Amino acid sequence: MEVSKKKTPTPIELIDWLNDEGVLELDWDFPEEGDLFAAGLDSMAVMQLVVAVEDRFGIELGPEDLTKTNLATPTTLAALIAAKI
Protein backbone atom coordinates (compact mmCIF):
# COMPACT_ATOMS: atom_id res chain seq x y z
CA MET A 1 0.00 0.00 0.00
CA GLU A 2 1.29 3.42 -0.90
CA VAL A 3 1.33 5.73 2.09
CA SER A 4 1.39 9.42 1.27
CA LYS A 5 4.38 11.50 2.37
CA LYS A 6 2.13 14.53 2.64
CA LYS A 7 -0.44 13.38 5.15
CA THR A 8 -0.43 11.56 8.42
CA PRO A 9 -1.18 7.89 7.85
CA THR A 10 -4.14 6.31 9.57
CA PRO A 11 -3.48 3.33 11.82
CA ILE A 12 -5.08 1.05 9.19
CA GLU A 13 -2.79 2.46 6.48
CA LEU A 14 0.19 1.85 8.78
CA ILE A 15 -0.81 -1.78 9.33
CA ASP A 16 -0.84 -2.37 5.56
CA TRP A 17 2.35 -0.39 5.10
CA LEU A 18 4.22 -2.31 7.83
CA ASN A 19 3.30 -5.52 6.01
CA ASP A 20 4.34 -4.12 2.62
CA GLU A 21 7.68 -2.91 4.01
CA GLY A 22 8.33 -6.32 5.57
CA VAL A 23 8.78 -4.83 9.04
CA LEU A 24 6.06 -7.06 10.50
CA GLU A 25 3.65 -9.68 9.23
CA LEU A 26 0.31 -8.56 10.60
CA ASP A 27 -3.04 -10.20 9.92
CA TRP A 28 -5.42 -8.27 7.68
CA ASP A 29 -7.70 -7.74 10.68
CA PHE A 30 -4.96 -6.60 13.09
CA PRO A 31 -6.60 -4.04 15.39
CA GLU A 32 -5.61 -0.37 15.44
CA GLU A 33 -4.91 -0.77 19.15
CA GLY A 34 -3.14 -4.11 18.70
CA ASP A 35 0.17 -4.69 20.50
CA LEU A 36 2.96 -4.39 17.94
CA PHE A 37 5.50 -5.87 20.35
CA ALA A 38 3.36 -8.98 20.88
CA ALA A 39 3.06 -9.18 17.07
CA GLY A 40 6.84 -9.41 16.71
CA LEU A 41 8.22 -5.88 16.87
CA ASP A 42 11.68 -6.53 18.31
CA SER A 43 14.87 -4.48 18.30
CA MET A 44 15.75 -5.47 14.72
CA ALA A 45 12.25 -4.65 13.50
CA VAL A 46 12.40 -1.29 15.31
CA MET A 47 15.56 -0.42 13.36
CA GLN A 48 13.83 -1.40 10.09
CA LEU A 49 10.84 0.66 11.13
CA VAL A 50 12.98 3.73 11.85
CA VAL A 51 14.63 3.59 8.44
CA ALA A 52 11.33 2.97 6.64
CA VAL A 53 9.51 5.79 8.48
CA GLU A 54 12.35 8.25 7.90
CA ASP A 55 12.52 7.37 4.20
CA ARG A 56 8.75 7.44 3.64
CA PHE A 57 7.85 10.54 5.63
CA GLY A 58 11.08 12.54 5.49
CA ILE A 59 11.24 12.85 9.27
CA GLU A 60 13.94 12.02 11.75
CA LEU A 61 13.27 9.80 14.73
CA GLY A 62 15.61 10.19 17.65
CA PRO A 63 16.20 7.88 20.60
CA GLU A 64 13.67 9.89 22.63
CA ASP A 65 10.98 8.92 20.06
CA LEU A 66 11.64 5.19 20.24
CA THR A 67 9.74 4.42 23.41
CA LYS A 68 7.47 1.47 24.07
CA THR A 69 4.61 3.93 24.41
CA ASN A 70 5.21 5.52 20.98
CA LEU A 71 5.68 2.18 19.22
CA ALA A 72 3.06 0.17 21.12
CA THR A 73 0.22 0.18 18.58
CA PRO A 74 -0.54 1.39 15.05
CA THR A 75 -2.48 4.25 16.67
CA THR A 76 0.45 5.43 18.80
CA LEU A 77 2.85 5.06 15.86
CA ALA A 78 0.54 7.17 13.67
CA ALA A 79 0.47 9.81 16.43
CA LEU A 80 4.28 9.84 16.59
CA ILE A 81 4.53 10.32 12.83
CA ALA A 82 1.88 13.06 12.94
CA ALA A 83 3.83 14.91 15.62
CA LYS A 84 6.99 14.82 13.48
CA ILE A 85 5.50 15.78 10.10
PDB file of N, CA and C in Angstrom:
ATOM      1  N   MET A   1       0.842  -1.176   0.000  1.00  0.00           N
ATOM      2  CA  MET A   1       0.000   0.000   0.000  1.00  0.00           C
ATOM      3  C   MET A   1       0.881   1.231   0.000  1.00  0.00           C
ATOM      4  N   GLU A   2       0.550   2.175  -0.822  1.00  0.00           N
ATOM      5  CA  GLU A   2       1.291   3.425  -0.896  1.00  0.00           C
ATOM      6  C   GLU A   2       0.786   4.357   0.194  1.00  0.00           C
ATOM      7  N   VAL A   3       1.671   4.793   1.035  1.00  0.00           N
ATOM      8  CA  VAL A   3       1.328   5.726   2.092  1.00  0.00           C
ATOM      9  C   VAL A   3       1.875   7.086   1.684  1.00  0.00           C
ATOM     10  N   SER A   4       1.025   8.082   1.705  1.00  0.00           N
ATOM     11  CA  SER A   4       1.394   9.421   1.272  1.00  0.00           C
ATOM     12  C   SER A   4       2.447  10.032   2.194  1.00  0.00           C
ATOM     13  N   LYS A   5       3.390  10.756   1.588  1.00  0.00           N
ATOM     14  CA  LYS A   5       4.375  11.498   2.368  1.00  0.00           C
ATOM     15  C   LYS A   5       3.785  12.789   2.895  1.00  0.00           C
ATOM     16  N   LYS A   6       2.669  13.223   2.336  1.00  0.00           N
ATOM     17  CA  LYS A   6       2.128  14.532   2.644  1.00  0.00           C
ATOM     18  C   LYS A   6       1.105  14.529   3.763  1.00  0.00           C
ATOM     19  N   LYS A   7       0.564  13.395   4.107  1.00  0.00           N
ATOM     20  CA  LYS A   7      -0.440  13.383   5.155  1.00  0.00           C
ATOM     21  C   LYS A   7      -0.096  12.325   6.187  1.00  0.00           C
ATOM     22  N   THR A   8      -0.633  12.522   7.337  1.00  0.00           N
ATOM     23  CA  THR A   8      -0.432  11.564   8.415  1.00  0.00           C
ATOM     24  C   THR A   8      -1.176  10.280   8.073  1.00  0.00           C
ATOM     25  N   PRO A   9      -0.493   9.152   8.153  1.00  0.00           N
ATOM     26  CA  PRO A   9      -1.181   7.892   7.851  1.00  0.00           C
ATOM     27  C   PRO A   9      -2.155   7.510   8.959  1.00  0.00           C
ATOM     28  N   THR A  10      -3.217   6.846   8.568  1.00  0.00           N
ATOM     29  CA  THR A  10      -4.137   6.308   9.566  1.00  0.00           C
ATOM     30  C   THR A  10      -3.522   5.035  10.133  1.00  0.00           C
ATOM     31  N   PRO A  11      -3.979   4.597  11.282  1.00  0.00           N
ATOM     32  CA  PRO A  11      -3.478   3.329  11.821  1.00  0.00           C
ATOM     33  C   PRO A  11      -3.689   2.160  10.851  1.00  0.00           C
ATOM     34  N   ILE A  12      -4.816   2.133  10.151  1.00  0.00           N
ATOM     35  CA  ILE A  12      -5.078   1.051   9.187  1.00  0.00           C
ATOM     36  C   ILE A  12      -4.077   1.108   8.037  1.00  0.00           C
ATOM     37  N   GLU A  13      -3.792   2.310   7.537  1.00  0.00           N
ATOM     38  CA  GLU A  13      -2.786   2.455   6.480  1.00  0.00           C
ATOM     39  C   GLU A  13      -1.419   1.992   6.970  1.00  0.00           C
ATOM     40  N   LEU A  14      -1.089   2.285   8.225  1.00  0.00           N
ATOM     41  CA  LEU A  14       0.194   1.846   8.782  1.00  0.00           C
ATOM     42  C   LEU A  14       0.280   0.334   8.886  1.00  0.00           C
ATOM     43  N   ILE A  15      -0.808  -0.313   9.247  1.00  0.00           N
ATOM     44  CA  ILE A  15      -0.809  -1.776   9.327  1.00  0.00           C
ATOM     45  C   ILE A  15      -0.461  -2.361   7.960  1.00  0.00           C
ATOM     46  N   ASP A  16      -1.128  -1.892   6.915  1.00  0.00           N
ATOM     47  CA  ASP A  16      -0.844  -2.373   5.561  1.00  0.00           C
ATOM     48  C   ASP A  16       0.583  -2.039   5.152  1.00  0.00           C
ATOM     49  N   TRP A  17       1.018  -0.839   5.480  1.00  0.00           N
ATOM     50  CA  TRP A  17       2.353  -0.392   5.099  1.00  0.00           C
ATOM     51  C   TRP A  17       3.438  -1.200   5.810  1.00  0.00           C
ATOM     52  N   LEU A  18       3.248  -1.491   7.102  1.00  0.00           N
ATOM     53  CA  LEU A  18       4.221  -2.313   7.826  1.00  0.00           C
ATOM     54  C   LEU A  18       4.361  -3.688   7.191  1.00  0.00           C
ATOM     55  N   ASN A  19       3.259  -4.242   6.728  1.00  0.00           N
ATOM     56  CA  ASN A  19       3.305  -5.522   6.009  1.00  0.00           C
ATOM     57  C   ASN A  19       4.057  -5.367   4.691  1.00  0.00           C
ATOM     58  N   ASP A  20       3.707  -4.335   3.929  1.00  0.00           N
ATOM     59  CA  ASP A  20       4.339  -4.118   2.621  1.00  0.00           C
ATOM     60  C   ASP A  20       5.841  -3.900   2.745  1.00  0.00           C
ATOM     61  N   GLU A  21       6.263  -3.201   3.790  1.00  0.00           N
ATOM     62  CA  GLU A  21       7.683  -2.913   4.013  1.00  0.00           C
ATOM     63  C   GLU A  21       8.437  -4.120   4.563  1.00  0.00           C
ATOM     64  N   GLY A  22       7.699  -5.134   5.015  1.00  0.00           N
ATOM     65  CA  GLY A  22       8.330  -6.318   5.572  1.00  0.00           C
ATOM     66  C   GLY A  22       8.827  -6.125   6.995  1.00  0.00           C
ATOM     67  N   VAL A  23       8.368  -5.074   7.654  1.00  0.00           N
ATOM     68  CA  VAL A  23       8.776  -4.831   9.037  1.00  0.00           C
ATOM     69  C   VAL A  23       8.116  -5.854   9.949  1.00  0.00           C
ATOM     70  N   LEU A  24       6.826  -6.082   9.739  1.00  0.00           N
ATOM     71  CA  LEU A  24       6.055  -7.060  10.501  1.00  0.00           C
ATOM     72  C   LEU A  24       5.101  -7.777   9.558  1.00  0.00           C
ATOM     73  N   GLU A  25       4.684  -8.950   9.958  1.00  0.00           N
ATOM     74  CA  GLU A  25       3.648  -9.678   9.225  1.00  0.00           C
ATOM     75  C   GLU A  25       2.401  -9.675  10.098  1.00  0.00           C
ATOM     76  N   LEU A  26       1.523  -8.727   9.816  1.00  0.00           N
ATOM     77  CA  LEU A  26       0.310  -8.561  10.598  1.00  0.00           C
ATOM     78  C   LEU A  26      -0.882  -9.114   9.830  1.00  0.00           C
ATOM     79  N   ASP A  27      -1.820  -9.711  10.546  1.00  0.00           N
ATOM     80  CA  ASP A  27      -3.040 -10.198   9.919  1.00  0.00           C
ATOM     81  C   ASP A  27      -3.825  -9.039   9.346  1.00  0.00           C
ATOM     82  N   TRP A  28      -4.631  -9.311   8.333  1.00  0.00           N
ATOM     83  CA  TRP A  28      -5.424  -8.268   7.682  1.00  0.00           C
ATOM     84  C   TRP A  28      -6.381  -7.595   8.655  1.00  0.00           C
ATOM     85  N   ASP A  29      -6.764  -8.306   9.714  1.00  0.00           N
ATOM     86  CA  ASP A  29      -7.701  -7.735  10.679  1.00  0.00           C
ATOM     87  C   ASP A  29      -7.011  -7.306  11.986  1.00  0.00           C
ATOM     88  N   PHE A  30      -5.703  -7.056  11.906  1.00  0.00           N
ATOM     89  CA  PHE A  30      -4.963  -6.605  13.087  1.00  0.00           C
ATOM     90  C   PHE A  30      -5.593  -5.303  13.583  1.00  0.00           C
ATOM     91  N   PRO A  31      -5.905  -5.223  14.877  1.00  0.00           N
ATOM     92  CA  PRO A  31      -6.603  -4.036  15.387  1.00  0.00           C
ATOM     93  C   PRO A  31      -5.701  -2.804  15.470  1.00  0.00           C
ATOM     94  N   GLU A  32      -6.331  -1.648  15.338  1.00  0.00           N
ATOM     95  CA  GLU A  32      -5.613  -0.374  15.436  1.00  0.00           C
ATOM     96  C   GLU A  32      -4.925  -0.212  16.788  1.00  0.00           C
ATOM     97  N   GLU A  33      -5.479  -0.835  17.809  1.00  0.00           N
ATOM     98  CA  GLU A  33      -4.909  -0.774  19.154  1.00  0.00           C
ATOM     99  C   GLU A  33      -4.155  -2.064  19.498  1.00  0.00           C
ATOM    100  N   GLY A  34      -3.850  -2.868  18.482  1.00  0.00           N
ATOM    101  CA  GLY A  34      -3.136  -4.114  18.701  1.00  0.00           C
ATOM    102  C   GLY A  34      -1.698  -3.881  19.140  1.00  0.00           C
ATOM    103  N   ASP A  35      -1.183  -4.781  19.941  1.00  0.00           N
ATOM    104  CA  ASP A  35       0.167  -4.690  20.503  1.00  0.00           C
ATOM    105  C   ASP A  35       1.200  -5.090  19.455  1.00  0.00           C
ATOM    106  N   LEU A  36       1.951  -4.112  18.965  1.00  0.00           N
ATOM    107  CA  LEU A  36       2.964  -4.392  17.941  1.00  0.00           C
ATOM    108  C   LEU A  36       4.115  -5.225  18.493  1.00  0.00           C
ATOM    109  N   PHE A  37       4.426  -5.077  19.771  1.00  0.00           N
ATOM    110  CA  PHE A  37       5.502  -5.874  20.354  1.00  0.00           C
ATOM    111  C   PHE A  37       5.094  -7.343  20.452  1.00  0.00           C
ATOM    112  N   ALA A  38       3.867  -7.596  20.831  1.00  0.00           N
ATOM    113  CA  ALA A  38       3.364  -8.976  20.876  1.00  0.00           C
ATOM    114  C   ALA A  38       3.293  -9.577  19.475  1.00  0.00           C
ATOM    115  N   ALA A  39       3.140  -8.718  18.460  1.00  0.00           N
ATOM    116  CA  ALA A  39       3.062  -9.178  17.072  1.00  0.00           C
ATOM    117  C   ALA A  39       4.441  -9.394  16.457  1.00  0.00           C
ATOM    118  N   GLY A  40       5.509  -9.119  17.209  1.00  0.00           N
ATOM    119  CA  GLY A  40       6.844  -9.411  16.712  1.00  0.00           C
ATOM    120  C   GLY A  40       7.768  -8.220  16.552  1.00  0.00           C
ATOM    121  N   LEU A  41       7.345  -7.046  16.972  1.00  0.00           N
ATOM    122  CA  LEU A  41       8.224  -5.881  16.872  1.00  0.00           C
ATOM    123  C   LEU A  41       9.331  -6.014  17.917  1.00  0.00           C
ATOM    124  N   ASP A  42      10.513  -6.383  17.440  1.00  0.00           N
ATOM    125  CA  ASP A  42      11.675  -6.529  18.314  1.00  0.00           C
ATOM    126  C   ASP A  42      12.701  -5.465  17.939  1.00  0.00           C
ATOM    127  N   SER A  43      13.877  -5.524  18.531  1.00  0.00           N
ATOM    128  CA  SER A  43      14.875  -4.478  18.299  1.00  0.00           C
ATOM    129  C   SER A  43      15.291  -4.383  16.836  1.00  0.00           C
ATOM    130  N   MET A  44      15.399  -5.501  16.151  1.00  0.00           N
ATOM    131  CA  MET A  44      15.751  -5.469  14.724  1.00  0.00           C
ATOM    132  C   MET A  44      14.625  -4.848  13.905  1.00  0.00           C
ATOM    133  N   ALA A  45      13.393  -5.212  14.217  1.00  0.00           N
ATOM    134  CA  ALA A  45      12.246  -4.650  13.503  1.00  0.00           C
ATOM    135  C   ALA A  45      12.111  -3.153  13.780  1.00  0.00           C
ATOM    136  N   VAL A  46      12.452  -2.719  14.995  1.00  0.00           N
ATOM    137  CA  VAL A  46      12.405  -1.291  15.306  1.00  0.00           C
ATOM    138  C   VAL A  46      13.386  -0.541  14.417  1.00  0.00           C
ATOM    139  N   MET A  47      14.573  -1.091  14.219  1.00  0.00           N
ATOM    140  CA  MET A  47      15.556  -0.424  13.358  1.00  0.00           C
ATOM    141  C   MET A  47      15.046  -0.350  11.916  1.00  0.00           C
ATOM    142  N   GLN A  48      14.441  -1.423  11.423  1.00  0.00           N
ATOM    143  CA  GLN A  48      13.832  -1.405  10.087  1.00  0.00           C
ATOM    144  C   GLN A  48      12.733  -0.347  10.027  1.00  0.00           C
ATOM    145  N   LEU A  49      11.937  -0.292  11.063  1.00  0.00           N
ATOM    146  CA  LEU A  49      10.841   0.658  11.128  1.00  0.00           C
ATOM    147  C   LEU A  49      11.365   2.088  11.074  1.00  0.00           C
ATOM    148  N   VAL A  50      12.401   2.384  11.832  1.00  0.00           N
ATOM    149  CA  VAL A  50      12.976   3.727  11.851  1.00  0.00           C
ATOM    150  C   VAL A  50      13.416   4.139  10.449  1.00  0.00           C
ATOM    151  N   VAL A  51      14.151   3.276   9.783  1.00  0.00           N
ATOM    152  CA  VAL A  51      14.634   3.586   8.436  1.00  0.00           C
ATOM    153  C   VAL A  51      13.465   3.778   7.475  1.00  0.00           C
ATOM    154  N   ALA A  52      12.481   2.887   7.541  1.00  0.00           N
ATOM    155  CA  ALA A  52      11.329   2.968   6.636  1.00  0.00           C
ATOM    156  C   ALA A  52      10.521   4.243   6.881  1.00  0.00           C
ATOM    157  N   VAL A  53      10.277   4.582   8.147  1.00  0.00           N
ATOM    158  CA  VAL A  53       9.512   5.789   8.475  1.00  0.00           C
ATOM    159  C   VAL A  53      10.273   7.034   8.025  1.00  0.00           C
ATOM    160  N   GLU A  54      11.566   7.079   8.296  1.00  0.00           N
ATOM    161  CA  GLU A  54      12.354   8.247   7.901  1.00  0.00           C
ATOM    162  C   GLU A  54      12.375   8.410   6.394  1.00  0.00           C
ATOM    163  N   ASP A  55      12.513   7.305   5.661  1.00  0.00           N
ATOM    164  CA  ASP A  55      12.516   7.366   4.197  1.00  0.00           C
ATOM    165  C   ASP A  55      11.160   7.787   3.650  1.00  0.00           C
ATOM    166  N   ARG A  56      10.101   7.198   4.158  1.00  0.00           N
ATOM    167  CA  ARG A  56       8.751   7.442   3.637  1.00  0.00           C
ATOM    168  C   ARG A  56       8.250   8.842   3.953  1.00  0.00           C
ATOM    169  N   PHE A  57       8.465   9.299   5.182  1.00  0.00           N
ATOM    170  CA  PHE A  57       7.852  10.540   5.630  1.00  0.00           C
ATOM    171  C   PHE A  57       8.819  11.716   5.714  1.00  0.00           C
ATOM    172  N   GLY A  58      10.103  11.459   5.470  1.00  0.00           N
ATOM    173  CA  GLY A  58      11.078  12.535   5.495  1.00  0.00           C
ATOM    174  C   GLY A  58      11.242  13.171   6.860  1.00  0.00           C
ATOM    175  N   ILE A  59      11.082  12.369   7.898  1.00  0.00           N
ATOM    176  CA  ILE A  59      11.237  12.855   9.266  1.00  0.00           C
ATOM    177  C   ILE A  59      12.397  12.123   9.919  1.00  0.00           C
ATOM    178  N   GLU A  60      12.870  12.672  11.009  1.00  0.00           N
ATOM    179  CA  GLU A  60      13.942  12.022  11.755  1.00  0.00           C
ATOM    180  C   GLU A  60      13.418  11.584  13.107  1.00  0.00           C
ATOM    181  N   LEU A  61      13.649  10.328  13.429  1.00  0.00           N
ATOM    182  CA  LEU A  61      13.266   9.796  14.733  1.00  0.00           C
ATOM    183  C   LEU A  61      14.516   9.646  15.581  1.00  0.00           C
ATOM    184  N   GLY A  62      14.488  10.277  16.731  1.00  0.00           N
ATOM    185  CA  GLY A  62      15.614  10.187  17.650  1.00  0.00           C
ATOM    186  C   GLY A  62      15.348   9.152  18.721  1.00  0.00           C
ATOM    187  N   PRO A  63      16.354   8.862  19.529  1.00  0.00           N
ATOM    188  CA  PRO A  63      16.196   7.882  20.602  1.00  0.00           C
ATOM    189  C   PRO A  63      15.031   8.204  21.536  1.00  0.00           C
ATOM    190  N   GLU A  64      14.772   9.490  21.750  1.00  0.00           N
ATOM    191  CA  GLU A  64      13.670   9.887  22.630  1.00  0.00           C
ATOM    192  C   GLU A  64      12.300   9.524  22.048  1.00  0.00           C
ATOM    193  N   ASP A  65      12.245   9.292  20.729  1.00  0.00           N
ATOM    194  CA  ASP A  65      10.985   8.919  20.064  1.00  0.00           C
ATOM    195  C   ASP A  65      10.712   7.422  20.139  1.00  0.00           C
ATOM    196  N   LEU A  66      11.745   6.647  20.340  1.00  0.00           N
ATOM    197  CA  LEU A  66      11.637   5.190  20.238  1.00  0.00           C
ATOM    198  C   LEU A  66      11.303   4.548  21.569  1.00  0.00           C
ATOM    199  N   THR A  67      10.191   4.966  22.129  1.00  0.00           N
ATOM    200  CA  THR A  67       9.738   4.420  23.407  1.00  0.00           C
ATOM    201  C   THR A  67       8.688   3.347  23.177  1.00  0.00           C
ATOM    202  N   LYS A  68       8.520   2.494  24.167  1.00  0.00           N
ATOM    203  CA  LYS A  68       7.467   1.469  24.070  1.00  0.00           C
ATOM    204  C   LYS A  68       6.103   2.107  23.910  1.00  0.00           C
ATOM    205  N   THR A  69       5.900   3.239  24.522  1.00  0.00           N
ATOM    206  CA  THR A  69       4.611   3.932  24.407  1.00  0.00           C
ATOM    207  C   THR A  69       4.371   4.391  22.972  1.00  0.00           C
ATOM    208  N   ASN A  70       5.364   5.012  22.350  1.00  0.00           N
ATOM    209  CA  ASN A  70       5.207   5.517  20.980  1.00  0.00           C
ATOM    210  C   ASN A  70       5.059   4.411  19.948  1.00  0.00           C
ATOM    211  N   LEU A  71       5.668   3.270  20.204  1.00  0.00           N
ATOM    212  CA  LEU A  71       5.678   2.182  19.224  1.00  0.00           C
ATOM    213  C   LEU A  71       4.720   1.054  19.581  1.00  0.00           C
ATOM    214  N   ALA A  72       3.900   1.242  20.581  1.00  0.00           N
ATOM    215  CA  ALA A  72       3.063   0.167  21.116  1.00  0.00           C
ATOM    216  C   ALA A  72       2.008  -0.343  20.146  1.00  0.00           C
ATOM    217  N   THR A  73       1.347   0.561  19.441  1.00  0.00           N
ATOM    218  CA  THR A  73       0.220   0.182  18.579  1.00  0.00           C
ATOM    219  C   THR A  73       0.279   0.978  17.279  1.00  0.00           C
ATOM    220  N   PRO A  74      -0.462   0.563  16.263  1.00  0.00           N
ATOM    221  CA  PRO A  74      -0.542   1.385  15.053  1.00  0.00           C
ATOM    222  C   PRO A  74      -1.051   2.799  15.345  1.00  0.00           C
ATOM    223  N   THR A  75      -1.945   2.940  16.307  1.00  0.00           N
ATOM    224  CA  THR A  75      -2.476   4.252  16.667  1.00  0.00           C
ATOM    225  C   THR A  75      -1.397   5.153  17.267  1.00  0.00           C
ATOM    226  N   THR A  76      -0.585   4.614  18.183  1.00  0.00           N
ATOM    227  CA  THR A  76       0.452   5.427  18.799  1.00  0.00           C
ATOM    228  C   THR A  76       1.569   5.734  17.805  1.00  0.00           C
ATOM    229  N   LEU A  77       1.848   4.814  16.900  1.00  0.00           N
ATOM    230  CA  LEU A  77       2.848   5.058  15.864  1.00  0.00           C
ATOM    231  C   LEU A  77       2.367   6.155  14.912  1.00  0.00           C
ATOM    232  N   ALA A  78       1.099   6.124  14.534  1.00  0.00           N
ATOM    233  CA  ALA A  78       0.539   7.174  13.675  1.00  0.00           C
ATOM    234  C   ALA A  78       0.626   8.530  14.365  1.00  0.00           C
ATOM    235  N   ALA A  79       0.380   8.573  15.678  1.00  0.00           N
ATOM    236  CA  ALA A  79       0.468   9.813  16.430  1.00  0.00           C
ATOM    237  C   ALA A  79       1.898  10.338  16.460  1.00  0.00           C
ATOM    238  N   LEU A  80       2.862   9.449  16.608  1.00  0.00           N
ATOM    239  CA  LEU A  80       4.280   9.843  16.588  1.00  0.00           C
ATOM    240  C   LEU A  80       4.636  10.455  15.238  1.00  0.00           C
ATOM    241  N   ILE A  81       4.232   9.799  14.176  1.00  0.00           N
ATOM    242  CA  ILE A  81       4.530  10.317  12.832  1.00  0.00           C
ATOM    243  C   ILE A  81       3.856  11.674  12.636  1.00  0.00           C
ATOM    244  N   ALA A  82       2.612  11.802  13.070  1.00  0.00           N
ATOM    245  CA  ALA A  82       1.877  13.060  12.936  1.00  0.00           C
ATOM    246  C   ALA A  82       2.591  14.187  13.671  1.00  0.00           C
ATOM    247  N   ALA A  83       3.149  13.898  14.831  1.00  0.00           N
ATOM    248  CA  ALA A  83       3.835  14.909  15.618  1.00  0.00           C
ATOM    249  C   ALA A  83       5.138  15.365  14.950  1.00  0.00           C
ATOM    250  N   LYS A  84       5.703  14.508  14.108  1.00  0.00           N
ATOM    251  CA  LYS A  84       6.993  14.818  13.477  1.00  0.00           C
ATOM    252  C   LYS A  84       6.850  15.442  12.088  1.00  0.00           C
ATOM    253  N   ILE A  85       5.684  15.255  11.470  1.00  0.00           N
ATOM    254  CA  ILE A  85       5.496  15.783  10.100  1.00  0.00           C
ATOM    255  C   ILE A  85       5.323  17.284  10.157  1.00  0.00           C
TER     256      ILE A  85
END
